[in-house]
Amino acid sequence: MTSINRVIINIKSAANILVANINNNYTGPWDNNFVKSICLNINELAFDIRNKNPQLYSDLQNIKSNLFFGANFINVYTLGRLVQLLRSYDYLSTNDFWQFAHPRIIELSKNKFEDGYFSDAVQTAFVEICSIVRKYREEQKLPEIKGDKDMLYNTFSTLKVLQFTDSSTTSLKNIQEGYEKIFPGIIQAIRNPNAHSNIKMEKADAARKIMIASDLMFMLDIALNHEN
């Protein structure tokens, strides 16, 4: 068991003791060693995730500072926040969206994302999509188009040289026409604003956008395989 997992177990154990005693109408005072131990563990968890999730780091530090007051009496409200935060941390730890991501997106973006560079991770994913389409156009000796949005629109909608389906049914035709618009639309909506301004991106927002990039990459694989 890794040391940080042990820290989390220690915090949960202490929180359970505190909750059980509050349910029996005991709020303190608590032993100095007990108070010191739980605060040290909260601090250690906070520093473990400070680069991956700055907001969670800030929340944990706030909880550590306010969990006890006076002569080591428990702050019931702050304890409730700690219990809820631990549940959220469990969710983020066990629901790893990377298992559903495209392998190339994982290769290029995962380390950046996990190091806390959320905007860069997203930007890298969408740059790769555009680069693959540009490389295809070069191989097919298609005209160069500088803007990524216009280049994607020309490839999928104007020239229709990359097809996601055979459009043999209404449903397949809808998929084809939808993705023809989605590719340039997503680049305009997500990649271009991110590339041209200093937009701060939170972890959850970056995760959602990376999954969008993964879906586009999977669809691009389908289109390229059709060509081959």
C-alpha atoms as a PDB file:
ATOM      1  CA  MET A   1       0.000   0.000   0.000  1.00  0.00           C
ATOM      2  CA  THR A   2       1.404   3.399  -0.982  1.00  0.00           C
ATOM      3  CA  SER A   3       2.050   5.976   1.732  1.00  0.00           C
ATOM      4  CA  ILE A   4      -0.632   8.343   0.436  1.00  0.00           C
ATOM      5  CA  ASN A   5      -3.225   5.570   0.555  1.00  0.00           C
ATOM      6  CA  ARG A   6      -2.285   5.026   4.180  1.00  0.00           C
ATOM      7  CA  VAL A   7      -2.698   8.767   4.815  1.00  0.00           C
ATOM      8  CA  ILE A   8      -6.208   8.687   3.313  1.00  0.00           C
ATOM      9  CA  ILE A   9      -7.138   5.662   5.446  1.00  0.00           C
ATOM     10  CA  ASN A  10      -5.871   7.486   8.546  1.00  0.00           C
ATOM     11  CA  ILE A  11      -7.973  10.560   7.759  1.00  0.00           C
ATOM     12  CA  LYS A  12     -11.093   8.469   7.122  1.00  0.00           C
ATOM     13  CA  SER A  13     -10.572   6.550  10.350  1.00  0.00           C
ATOM     14  CA  ALA A  14     -10.192   9.728  12.387  1.00  0.00           C
ATOM     15  CA  ALA A  15     -13.213  11.321  10.660  1.00  0.00           C
ATOM     16  CA  ASN A  16     -15.324   8.242  11.490  1.00  0.00           C
ATOM     17  CA  ILE A  17     -14.310   8.508  15.154  1.00  0.00           C
ATOM     18  CA  LEU A  18     -15.245  12.180  15.209  1.00  0.00           C
ATOM     19  CA  VAL A  19     -18.615  11.562  13.535  1.00  0.00           C
ATOM     20  CA  ALA A  20     -19.446   8.713  15.921  1.00  0.00           C
ATOM     21  CA  ASN A  21     -18.715  10.884  18.933  1.00  0.00           C
ATOM     22  CA  ILE A  22     -20.703  13.826  17.587  1.00  0.00           C
ATOM     23  CA  ASN A  23     -23.650  11.467  17.160  1.00  0.00           C
ATOM     24  CA  ASN A  24     -23.291  10.818  20.903  1.00  0.00           C
ATOM     25  CA  ASN A  25     -23.234  14.579  21.582  1.00  0.00           C
ATOM     26  CA  TYR A  26     -19.498  14.751  22.286  1.00  0.00           C
ATOM     27  CA  THR A  27     -17.646  17.581  20.498  1.00  0.00           C
ATOM     28  CA  GLY A  28     -14.528  17.822  22.667  1.00  0.00           C
ATOM     29  CA  PRO A  29     -12.059  18.552  23.941  1.00  0.00           C
ATOM     30  CA  TRP A  30      -9.921  16.115  21.943  1.00  0.00           C
ATOM     31  CA  ASP A  31      -6.482  14.825  22.813  1.00  0.00           C
ATOM     32  CA  ASN A  32      -3.655  16.967  21.441  1.00  0.00           C
ATOM     33  CA  ASN A  33      -1.958  13.992  19.777  1.00  0.00           C
ATOM     34  CA  PHE A  34      -5.190  12.994  18.022  1.00  0.00           C
ATOM     35  CA  VAL A  35      -5.721  16.555  16.771  1.00  0.00           C
ATOM     36  CA  LYS A  36      -2.106  16.848  15.619  1.00  0.00           C
ATOM     37  CA  SER A  37      -2.232  13.492  13.835  1.00  0.00           C
ATOM     38  CA  ILE A  38      -5.350  14.180  11.755  1.00  0.00           C
ATOM     39  CA  CYS A  39      -4.136  17.673  10.844  1.00  0.00           C
ATOM     40  CA  LEU A  40      -0.757  16.328   9.721  1.00  0.00           C
ATOM     41  CA  ASN A  41      -2.468  13.693   7.571  1.00  0.00           C
ATOM     42  CA  ILE A  42      -4.769  16.261   5.968  1.00  0.00           C
ATOM     43  CA  ASN A  43      -1.757  18.444   5.255  1.00  0.00           C
ATOM     44  CA  GLU A  44       0.132  15.514   3.673  1.00  0.00           C
ATOM     45  CA  LEU A  45      -2.811  14.667   1.402  1.00  0.00           C
ATOM     46  CA  ALA A  46      -3.129  18.333   0.421  1.00  0.00           C
ATOM     47  CA  PHE A  47       0.508  18.560  -0.652  1.00  0.00           C
ATOM     48  CA  ASP A  48       0.262  15.281  -2.567  1.00  0.00           C
ATOM     49  CA  ILE A  49      -2.440  16.710  -4.857  1.00  0.00           C
ATOM     50  CA  ARG A  50      -1.475  20.418  -4.884  1.00  0.00           C
ATOM     51  CA  ASN A  51      -0.270  20.374  -8.516  1.00  0.00           C
ATOM     52  CA  LYS A  52      -2.952  17.989  -9.793  1.00  0.00           C
ATOM     53  CA  ASN A  53      -5.904  19.773  -8.190  1.00  0.00           C
ATOM     54  CA  PRO A  54      -5.170  23.252  -6.745  1.00  0.00           C
ATOM     55  CA  GLN A  55      -8.786  23.737  -5.662  1.00  0.00           C
ATOM     56  CA  LEU A  56      -8.787  20.519  -3.646  1.00  0.00           C
ATOM     57  CA  TYR A  57      -5.444  21.527  -2.130  1.00  0.00           C
ATOM     58  CA  SER A  58      -6.943  24.858  -1.041  1.00  0.00           C
ATOM     59  CA  ASP A  59     -10.040  23.168   0.387  1.00  0.00           C
ATOM     60  CA  LEU A  60      -7.968  20.715   2.414  1.00  0.00           C
ATOM     61  CA  GLN A  61      -5.776  23.448   3.835  1.00  0.00           C
ATOM     62  CA  ASN A  62      -8.870  25.409   4.843  1.00  0.00           C
ATOM     63  CA  ILE A  63     -10.358  22.330   6.499  1.00  0.00           C
ATOM     64  CA  LYS A  64      -7.123  21.628   8.383  1.00  0.00           C
ATOM     65  CA  SER A  65      -7.085  25.180   9.765  1.00  0.00           C
ATOM     66  CA  ASN A  66     -10.737  25.159  10.860  1.00  0.00           C
ATOM     67  CA  LEU A  67     -11.451  21.562  11.889  1.00  0.00           C
ATOM     68  CA  PHE A  68     -10.805  22.293  15.568  1.00  0.00           C
ATOM     69  CA  PHE A  69     -11.294  25.452  17.602  1.00  0.00           C
ATOM     70  CA  GLY A  70     -10.720  26.642  21.126  1.00  0.00           C
ATOM     71  CA  ALA A  71      -9.436  23.883  23.428  1.00  0.00           C
ATOM     72  CA  ASN A  72      -9.579  21.216  20.705  1.00  0.00           C
ATOM     73  CA  PHE A  73     -13.336  21.197  20.154  1.00  0.00           C
ATOM     74  CA  ILE A  74     -14.548  19.886  16.802  1.00  0.00           C
ATOM     75  CA  ASN A  75     -16.070  22.260  14.255  1.00  0.00           C
ATOM     76  CA  VAL A  76     -19.066  20.199  13.128  1.00  0.00           C
ATOM     77  CA  TYR A  77     -19.564  22.153   9.898  1.00  0.00           C
ATOM     78  CA  THR A  78     -15.925  21.721   8.831  1.00  0.00           C
ATOM     79  CA  LEU A  79     -16.028  18.020   9.690  1.00  0.00           C
ATOM     80  CA  GLY A  80     -19.018  17.686   7.364  1.00  0.00           C
ATOM     81  CA  ARG A  81     -17.018  19.361   4.613  1.00  0.00           C
ATOM     82  CA  LEU A  82     -14.144  16.932   5.205  1.00  0.00           C
ATOM     83  CA  VAL A  83     -16.418  13.877   4.970  1.00  0.00           C
ATOM     84  CA  GLN A  84     -17.975  15.164   1.735  1.00  0.00           C
ATOM     85  CA  LEU A  85     -14.587  16.000   0.264  1.00  0.00           C
ATOM     86  CA  LEU A  86     -13.265  12.519   1.026  1.00  0.00           C
ATOM     87  CA  ARG A  87     -16.234  11.049  -0.841  1.00  0.00           C
ATOM     88  CA  SER A  88     -15.481  13.287  -3.821  1.00  0.00           C
ATOM     89  CA  TYR A  89     -11.816  12.302  -3.690  1.00  0.00           C
ATOM     90  CA  ASP A  90     -12.810   8.633  -3.777  1.00  0.00           C
ATOM     91  CA  TYR A  91     -14.951   9.297  -6.845  1.00  0.00           C
ATOM     92  CA  LEU A  92     -12.160  11.079  -8.708  1.00  0.00           C
ATOM     93  CA  SER A  93      -9.695   8.334  -7.799  1.00  0.00           C
ATOM     94  CA  THR A  94     -11.833   5.361  -8.822  1.00  0.00           C
ATOM     95  CA  ASN A  95     -13.540   6.795 -11.921  1.00  0.00           C
ATOM     96  CA  ASP A  96     -10.542   7.065 -14.239  1.00  0.00           C
ATOM     97  CA  PHE A  97     -11.805   8.512 -17.510  1.00  0.00           C
ATOM     98  CA  TRP A  98      -8.473   7.709 -19.204  1.00  0.00           C
ATOM     99  CA  GLN A  99      -9.545   4.089 -19.625  1.00  0.00           C
ATOM    100  CA  PHE A 100     -12.008   5.344 -22.253  1.00  0.00           C
ATOM    101  CA  ALA A 101      -9.649   7.773 -24.000  1.00  0.00           C
ATOM    102  CA  HIS A 102      -7.987   7.264 -27.366  1.00  0.00           C
ATOM    103  CA  PRO A 103      -4.456   5.765 -27.049  1.00  0.00           C
ATOM    104  CA  ARG A 104      -2.842   8.668 -28.928  1.00  0.00           C
ATOM    105  CA  ILE A 105      -4.582  11.214 -26.704  1.00  0.00           C
ATOM    106  CA  ILE A 106      -3.397   9.303 -23.639  1.00  0.00           C
ATOM    107  CA  GLU A 107       0.158   9.295 -24.980  1.00  0.00           C
ATOM    108  CA  LEU A 108       0.210  13.037 -25.621  1.00  0.00           C
ATOM    109  CA  SER A 109      -2.028  14.549 -22.945  1.00  0.00           C
ATOM    110  CA  LYS A 110      -2.218  12.342 -19.855  1.00  0.00           C
ATOM    111  CA  ASN A 111       1.062  13.361 -18.218  1.00  0.00           C
ATOM    112  CA  LYS A 112       0.345  17.050 -18.792  1.00  0.00           C
ATOM    113  CA  PHE A 113      -3.141  16.647 -17.351  1.00  0.00           C
ATOM    114  CA  GLU A 114      -1.940  14.760 -14.275  1.00  0.00           C
ATOM    115  CA  ASP A 115       0.784  17.366 -13.685  1.00  0.00           C
ATOM    116  CA  GLY A 116      -1.907  20.041 -13.549  1.00  0.00           C
ATOM    117  CA  TYR A 117      -1.333  21.574 -16.997  1.00  0.00           C
ATOM    118  CA  PHE A 118      -4.989  21.204 -17.980  1.00  0.00           C
ATOM    119  CA  SER A 119      -5.141  23.807 -20.745  1.00  0.00           C
ATOM    120  CA  ASP A 120      -1.942  22.487 -22.332  1.00  0.00           C
ATOM    121  CA  ALA A 121      -3.258  18.910 -22.207  1.00  0.00           C
ATOM    122  CA  VAL A 122      -6.407  19.936 -24.080  1.00  0.00           C
ATOM    123  CA  GLN A 123      -4.520  22.055 -26.588  1.00  0.00           C
ATOM    124  CA  THR A 124      -2.129  19.197 -27.340  1.00  0.00           C
ATOM    125  CA  ALA A 125      -4.991  16.793 -28.038  1.00  0.00           C
ATOM    126  CA  PHE A 126      -6.703  19.049 -30.574  1.00  0.00           C
ATOM    127  CA  VAL A 127      -3.428  20.066 -32.236  1.00  0.00           C
ATOM    128  CA  GLU A 128      -2.773  16.376 -32.896  1.00  0.00           C
ATOM    129  CA  ILE A 129      -6.160  15.934 -34.580  1.00  0.00           C
ATOM    130  CA  CYS A 130      -5.456  18.854 -36.917  1.00  0.00           C
ATOM    131  CA  SER A 131      -1.930  17.595 -37.590  1.00  0.00           C
ATOM    132  CA  ILE A 132      -3.203  14.169 -38.655  1.00  0.00           C
ATOM    133  CA  VAL A 133      -5.693  15.686 -41.087  1.00  0.00           C
ATOM    134  CA  ARG A 134      -3.042  18.031 -42.466  1.00  0.00           C
ATOM    135  CA  LYS A 135      -0.666  15.119 -43.002  1.00  0.00           C
ATOM    136  CA  TYR A 136      -3.407  13.250 -44.859  1.00  0.00           C
ATOM    137  CA  ARG A 137      -4.019  16.271 -47.085  1.00  0.00           C
ATOM    138  CA  GLU A 138      -0.306  16.521 -47.868  1.00  0.00           C
ATOM    139  CA  GLU A 139      -0.191  12.843 -48.820  1.00  0.00           C
ATOM    140  CA  GLN A 140      -3.207  13.365 -51.103  1.00  0.00           C
ATOM    141  CA  LYS A 141      -1.614  16.527 -52.548  1.00  0.00           C
ATOM    142  CA  LEU A 142      -4.607  18.636 -51.559  1.00  0.00           C
ATOM    143  CA  PRO A 143      -4.311  22.458 -51.436  1.00  0.00           C
ATOM    144  CA  GLU A 144      -2.824  23.934 -48.287  1.00  0.00           C
ATOM    145  CA  ILE A 145      -5.296  25.824 -46.083  1.00  0.00           C
ATOM    146  CA  LYS A 146      -3.726  27.698 -43.170  1.00  0.00           C
ATOM    147  CA  GLY A 147      -6.574  27.978 -40.672  1.00  0.00           C
ATOM    148  CA  ASP A 148      -7.385  24.693 -38.909  1.00  0.00           C
ATOM    149  CA  LYS A 149     -11.136  25.306 -38.824  1.00  0.00           C
ATOM    150  CA  ASP A 150     -11.250  26.092 -42.549  1.00  0.00           C
ATOM    151  CA  MET A 151      -8.947  23.200 -43.327  1.00  0.00           C
ATOM    152  CA  LEU A 152     -11.201  20.734 -41.518  1.00  0.00           C
ATOM    153  CA  TYR A 153     -14.341  22.144 -43.108  1.00  0.00           C
ATOM    154  CA  ASN A 154     -12.790  21.863 -46.556  1.00  0.00           C
ATOM    155  CA  THR A 155     -11.670  18.278 -45.903  1.00  0.00           C
ATOM    156  CA  PHE A 156     -14.905  16.909 -44.481  1.00  0.00           C
ATOM    157  CA  SER A 157     -17.670  19.093 -45.907  1.00  0.00           C
ATOM    158  CA  THR A 158     -16.408  20.580 -49.197  1.00  0.00           C
ATOM    159  CA  LEU A 159     -14.188  17.865 -50.639  1.00  0.00           C
ATOM    160  CA  LYS A 160     -15.694  15.025 -48.587  1.00  0.00           C
ATOM    161  CA  VAL A 161     -12.461  13.082 -48.949  1.00  0.00           C
ATOM    162  CA  LEU A 162     -12.691  11.531 -45.483  1.00  0.00           C
ATOM    163  CA  GLN A 163     -15.893   9.646 -44.725  1.00  0.00           C
ATOM    164  CA  PHE A 164     -16.997   8.339 -41.328  1.00  0.00           C
ATOM    165  CA  THR A 165     -19.821   6.180 -42.738  1.00  0.00           C
ATOM    166  CA  ASP A 166     -21.062   5.029 -46.140  1.00  0.00           C
ATOM    167  CA  SER A 167     -24.266   7.098 -45.679  1.00  0.00           C
ATOM    168  CA  SER A 168     -26.302   4.133 -46.927  1.00  0.00           C
ATOM    169  CA  THR A 169     -29.090   4.769 -44.413  1.00  0.00           C
ATOM    170  CA  THR A 170     -30.624   7.890 -42.943  1.00  0.00           C
ATOM    171  CA  SER A 171     -28.931   7.242 -39.585  1.00  0.00           C
ATOM    172  CA  LEU A 172     -25.498   6.766 -41.174  1.00  0.00           C
ATOM    173  CA  LYS A 173     -26.003   9.858 -43.313  1.00  0.00           C
ATOM    174  CA  ASN A 174     -26.854  11.862 -40.176  1.00  0.00           C
ATOM    175  CA  ILE A 175     -23.677  10.633 -38.485  1.00  0.00           C
ATOM    176  CA  GLN A 176     -21.598  11.600 -41.515  1.00  0.00           C
ATOM    177  CA  GLU A 177     -23.116  15.052 -41.861  1.00  0.00           C
ATOM    178  CA  GLY A 178     -22.986  15.661 -38.123  1.00  0.00           C
ATOM    179  CA  TYR A 179     -19.278  14.926 -37.780  1.00  0.00           C
ATOM    180  CA  GLU A 180     -18.533  16.971 -40.893  1.00  0.00           C
ATOM    181  CA  LYS A 181     -19.746  19.948 -38.868  1.00  0.00           C
ATOM    182  CA  ILE A 182     -18.486  18.811 -35.459  1.00  0.00           C
ATOM    183  CA  PHE A 183     -14.795  18.702 -36.413  1.00  0.00           C
ATOM    184  CA  PRO A 184     -14.443  22.354 -37.528  1.00  0.00           C
ATOM    185  CA  GLY A 185     -17.001  23.472 -34.935  1.00  0.00           C
ATOM    186  CA  ILE A 186     -15.090  21.954 -32.033  1.00  0.00           C
ATOM    187  CA  ILE A 187     -11.828  23.482 -33.228  1.00  0.00           C
ATOM    188  CA  GLN A 188     -13.508  26.883 -33.410  1.00  0.00           C
ATOM    189  CA  ALA A 189     -15.196  26.505 -30.027  1.00  0.00           C
ATOM    190  CA  ILE A 190     -12.442  24.849 -27.994  1.00  0.00           C
ATOM    191  CA  ARG A 191      -9.014  24.893 -29.563  1.00  0.00           C
ATOM    192  CA  ASN A 192      -8.931  28.361 -31.142  1.00  0.00           C
ATOM    193  CA  PRO A 193      -9.996  30.349 -28.020  1.00  0.00           C
ATOM    194  CA  ASN A 194      -7.627  28.261 -25.911  1.00  0.00           C
ATOM    195  CA  ALA A 195      -4.730  28.917 -28.315  1.00  0.00           C
ATOM    196  CA  HIS A 196      -5.212  32.675 -28.598  1.00  0.00           C
ATOM    197  CA  SER A 197      -5.855  33.711 -25.003  1.00  0.00           C
ATOM    198  CA  ASN A 198      -4.789  32.897 -21.466  1.00  0.00           C
ATOM    199  CA  ILE A 199      -7.941  31.004 -20.464  1.00  0.00           C
ATOM    200  CA  LYS A 200      -7.636  29.236 -17.128  1.00  0.00           C
ATOM    201  CA  MET A 201      -9.047  25.714 -17.325  1.00  0.00           C
ATOM    202  CA  GLU A 202     -10.205  23.654 -14.362  1.00  0.00           C
ATOM    203  CA  LYS A 203      -9.630  19.913 -14.075  1.00  0.00           C
ATOM    204  CA  ALA A 204     -13.217  18.820 -14.749  1.00  0.00           C
ATOM    205  CA  ASP A 205     -13.534  21.083 -17.781  1.00  0.00           C
ATOM    206  CA  ALA A 206     -10.267  19.756 -19.210  1.00  0.00           C
ATOM    207  CA  ALA A 207     -11.379  16.149 -18.675  1.00  0.00           C
ATOM    208  CA  ARG A 208     -14.595  16.767 -20.593  1.00  0.00           C
ATOM    209  CA  LYS A 209     -12.750  18.393 -23.485  1.00  0.00           C
ATOM    210  CA  ILE A 210     -10.161  15.621 -23.628  1.00  0.00           C
ATOM    211  CA  MET A 211     -12.961  13.088 -23.969  1.00  0.00           C
ATOM    212  CA  ILE A 212     -14.372  15.135 -26.847  1.00  0.00           C
ATOM    213  CA  ALA A 213     -10.941  15.054 -28.485  1.00  0.00           C
ATOM    214  CA  SER A 214     -10.811  11.288 -27.933  1.00  0.00           C
ATOM    215  CA  ASP A 215     -14.154  10.813 -29.658  1.00  0.00           C
ATOM    216  CA  LEU A 216     -12.958  12.857 -32.633  1.00  0.00           C
ATOM    217  CA  MET A 217      -9.748  10.825 -32.768  1.00  0.00           C
ATOM    218  CA  PHE A 218     -11.678   7.546 -32.804  1.00  0.00           C
ATOM    219  CA  MET A 219     -13.877   8.878 -35.611  1.00  0.00           C
ATOM    220  CA  LEU A 220     -10.799  10.034 -37.514  1.00  0.00           C
ATOM    221  CA  ASP A 221      -9.403   6.501 -37.241  1.00  0.00           C
ATOM    222  CA  ILE A 222     -12.607   5.210 -38.822  1.00  0.00           C
ATOM    223  CA  ALA A 223     -12.388   7.720 -41.671  1.00  0.00           C
ATOM    224  CA  LEU A 224      -8.741   6.964 -42.383  1.00  0.00           C
ATOM    225  CA  ASN A 225      -9.407   3.205 -42.319  1.00  0.00           C
ATOM    226  CA  HIS A 226     -12.200   3.717 -44.866  1.00  0.00           C
ATOM    227  CA  GLU A 227      -9.682   5.412 -47.124  1.00  0.00           C
ATOM    228  CA  ASN A 228      -7.266   2.519 -46.778  1.00  0.00           C
END
